C-alpha atoms as a PDB file:
ATOM      1  CA  MET A   1     126.611  28.819 108.227  1.00  0.00           C
ATOM      2  CA  ALA A   2     126.259  26.216 105.488  1.00  0.00           C
ATOM      3  CA  SER A   3     128.646  23.904 107.348  1.00  0.00           C
ATOM      4  CA  LEU A   4     126.557  24.217 110.532  1.00  0.00           C
ATOM      5  CA  ILE A   5     123.355  23.291 108.719  1.00  0.00           C
ATOM      6  CA  GLY A   6     125.195  20.557 106.831  1.00  0.00           C
ATOM      7  CA  SER A   7     126.449  19.067 110.083  1.00  0.00           C
ATOM      8  CA  ILE A   8     122.959  19.087 111.583  1.00  0.00           C
ATOM      9  CA  PHE A   9     121.465  17.265 108.606  1.00  0.00           C
ATOM     10  CA  SER A  10     124.552  15.299 107.575  1.00  0.00           C
ATOM     11  CA  GLY A  11     122.772  11.951 107.318  1.00  0.00           C
ATOM     12  CA  SER A  12     119.501  13.299 105.959  1.00  0.00           C
ATOM     13  CA  THR A  13     118.267  13.488 102.433  1.00  0.00           C
ATOM     14  CA  GLY A  14     116.759  16.741 101.205  1.00  0.00           C
ATOM     15  CA  GLU A  15     113.194  15.635 101.869  1.00  0.00           C
ATOM     16  CA  SER A  16     113.864  14.251 105.342  1.00  0.00           C
ATOM     17  CA  ALA A  17     115.672  17.469 106.271  1.00  0.00           C
ATOM     18  CA  ASP A  18     112.663  19.451 105.012  1.00  0.00           C
ATOM     19  CA  LYS A  19     110.405  17.229 107.086  1.00  0.00           C
ATOM     20  CA  ILE A  20     112.455  17.793 110.239  1.00  0.00           C
ATOM     21  CA  ILE A  21     112.469  21.553 109.676  1.00  0.00           C
ATOM     22  CA  ALA A  22     108.708  21.564 109.011  1.00  0.00           C
ATOM     23  CA  TYR A  23     107.926  19.613 112.199  1.00  0.00           C
ATOM     24  CA  ASN A  24     110.170  21.877 114.280  1.00  0.00           C
ATOM     25  CA  SER A  25     108.622  24.968 112.693  1.00  0.00           C
ATOM     26  CA  THR A  26     105.081  23.842 113.525  1.00  0.00           C
ATOM     27  CA  TYR A  27     106.068  23.259 117.147  1.00  0.00           C
ATOM     28  CA  GLY A  28     107.699  26.669 117.315  1.00  0.00           C
ATOM     29  CA  ALA A  29     104.761  28.440 115.670  1.00  0.00           C
ATOM     30  CA  ALA A  30     102.284  26.743 117.996  1.00  0.00           C
ATOM     31  CA  ALA A  31     104.322  27.685 121.072  1.00  0.00           C
ATOM     32  CA  THR A  32     104.648  31.274 119.866  1.00  0.00           C
ATOM     33  CA  ALA A  33     100.911  31.588 119.250  1.00  0.00           C
ATOM     34  CA  GLN A  34     100.181  30.148 122.681  1.00  0.00           C
ATOM     35  CA  ALA A  35     102.563  32.607 124.335  1.00  0.00           C
ATOM     36  CA  TYR A  36     101.021  35.617 122.554  1.00  0.00           C
ATOM     37  CA  PHE A  37      97.522  34.364 123.379  1.00  0.00           C
ATOM     38  CA  SER A  38      98.396  34.014 127.062  1.00  0.00           C
ATOM     39  CA  ALA A  39      99.971  37.458 127.084  1.00  0.00           C
ATOM     40  CA  ALA A  40      96.921  38.956 125.359  1.00  0.00           C
ATOM     41  CA  LEU A  41      94.637  37.428 127.987  1.00  0.00           C
ATOM     42  CA  THR A  42      96.620  38.954 130.826  1.00  0.00           C
ATOM     43  CA  ALA A  43      97.206  42.362 129.202  1.00  0.00           C
ATOM     44  CA  THR A  44      95.630  45.199 131.141  1.00  0.00           C
ATOM     45  CA  THR A  45      95.050  47.729 128.376  1.00  0.00           C
ATOM     46  CA  PRO A  46      92.994  47.262 125.198  1.00  0.00           C
ATOM     47  CA  GLU A  47      95.845  48.604 123.054  1.00  0.00           C
ATOM     48  CA  VAL A  48      98.329  46.027 124.308  1.00  0.00           C
ATOM     49  CA  ARG A  49      95.689  43.297 124.042  1.00  0.00           C
ATOM     50  CA  ALA A  50      95.015  44.202 120.401  1.00  0.00           C
ATOM     51  CA  PHE A  51      98.744  44.384 119.666  1.00  0.00           C
ATOM     52  CA  LEU A  52      99.386  40.914 121.115  1.00  0.00           C
ATOM     53  CA  ALA A  53      96.275  39.460 119.480  1.00  0.00           C
ATOM     54  CA  GLY A  54      97.624  40.618 116.109  1.00  0.00           C
ATOM     55  CA  TYR A  55     100.876  38.749 116.681  1.00  0.00           C
ATOM     56  CA  CYS A  56      98.907  35.702 117.810  1.00  0.00           C
ATOM     57  CA  SER A  57      96.949  35.785 114.532  1.00  0.00           C
ATOM     58  CA  GLN A  58     100.181  36.029 112.535  1.00  0.00           C
ATOM     59  CA  SER A  59     101.620  33.033 114.384  1.00  0.00           C
ATOM     60  CA  LEU A  60      98.481  31.014 113.758  1.00  0.00           C
ATOM     61  CA  THR A  61      98.603  31.890 110.055  1.00  0.00           C
ATOM     62  CA  GLY A  62     102.228  30.763 109.871  1.00  0.00           C
ATOM     63  CA  HIS A  63     101.375  27.508 111.632  1.00  0.00           C
ATOM     64  CA  GLU A  64      98.486  26.939 109.222  1.00  0.00           C
ATOM     65  CA  GLU A  65     100.730  27.470 106.181  1.00  0.00           C
ATOM     66  CA  ILE A  66     103.327  25.017 107.443  1.00  0.00           C
ATOM     67  CA  MET A  67     100.647  22.439 108.282  1.00  0.00           C
ATOM     68  CA  ASN A  68      99.092  22.806 104.818  1.00  0.00           C
ATOM     69  CA  TYR A  69     102.532  22.188 103.302  1.00  0.00           C
ATOM     70  CA  MET A  70     102.977  19.084 105.453  1.00  0.00           C
ATOM     71  CA  ILE A  71      99.532  17.795 104.486  1.00  0.00           C
ATOM     72  CA  GLN A  72     100.288  18.419 100.821  1.00  0.00           C
ATOM     73  CA  LYS A  73     103.542  16.421 101.166  1.00  0.00           C
ATOM     74  CA  LYS A  74     101.539  13.675 102.971  1.00  0.00           C
ATOM     75  CA  TRP A  75     103.773  13.924 106.037  1.00  0.00           C
ATOM     76  CA  VAL A  76     100.666  14.504 108.176  1.00  0.00           C
ATOM     77  CA  ASN A  77      97.193  13.011 107.819  1.00  0.00           C
ATOM     78  CA  PRO A  78      94.701  15.222 109.689  1.00  0.00           C
ATOM     79  CA  TYR A  79      91.918  12.641 109.282  1.00  0.00           C
ATOM     80  CA  ASP A  80      93.885   9.760 110.775  1.00  0.00           C
ATOM     81  CA  GLN A  81      92.928   8.268 114.130  1.00  0.00           C
ATOM     82  CA  PRO A  82      94.351  10.240 117.083  1.00  0.00           C
ATOM     83  CA  GLU A  83      96.390   7.222 118.220  1.00  0.00           C
ATOM     84  CA  ASN A  84      98.029   6.979 114.783  1.00  0.00           C
ATOM     85  CA  GLN A  85      98.717  10.723 114.713  1.00  0.00           C
ATOM     86  CA  LEU A  86     100.386  10.526 118.117  1.00  0.00           C
ATOM     87  CA  SER A  87     102.428   7.510 117.030  1.00  0.00           C
ATOM     88  CA  THR A  88     103.582   9.383 113.909  1.00  0.00           C
ATOM     89  CA  VAL A  89     104.657  12.414 115.934  1.00  0.00           C
ATOM     90  CA  VAL A  90     106.580  10.237 118.399  1.00  0.00           C
ATOM     91  CA  GLN A  91     108.329   8.404 115.538  1.00  0.00           C
ATOM     92  CA  GLU A  92     109.270  11.690 113.868  1.00  0.00           C
ATOM     93  CA  SER A  93     110.600  13.067 117.145  1.00  0.00           C
ATOM     94  CA  LEU A  94     112.703   9.978 117.766  1.00  0.00           C
ATOM     95  CA  SER A  95     114.039   9.986 114.210  1.00  0.00           C
ATOM     96  CA  SER A  96     115.103  13.608 114.503  1.00  0.00           C
ATOM     97  CA  PHE A  97     117.061  12.733 117.656  1.00  0.00           C
ATOM     98  CA  LYS A  98     118.693   9.788 115.870  1.00  0.00           C
ATOM     99  CA  ALA A  99     119.759  12.094 113.027  1.00  0.00           C
ATOM    100  CA  HIS A 100     121.924  14.017 115.498  1.00  0.00           C
END
């Protein structure tokens, strides 16, 4: 397992690997929360709706924790202009593709 992870991040320093993992985790947590939210909206029984809403809340909490970590590390600036935020996300996405 260590060799697999090492091969994925072979050219990355510890911090850049952490950054890549954090960005990917936020995308995954956001997608998970959206999926549970959509499922909760279409659920037919109150029990299933409550069950799915609980998972949605857990996903949102996880996303919030990762985002707070990224803000603390100054990888993300939530008060930046939207154009600059989008540019940063595109650059990070392209750099993660270049790392592989």
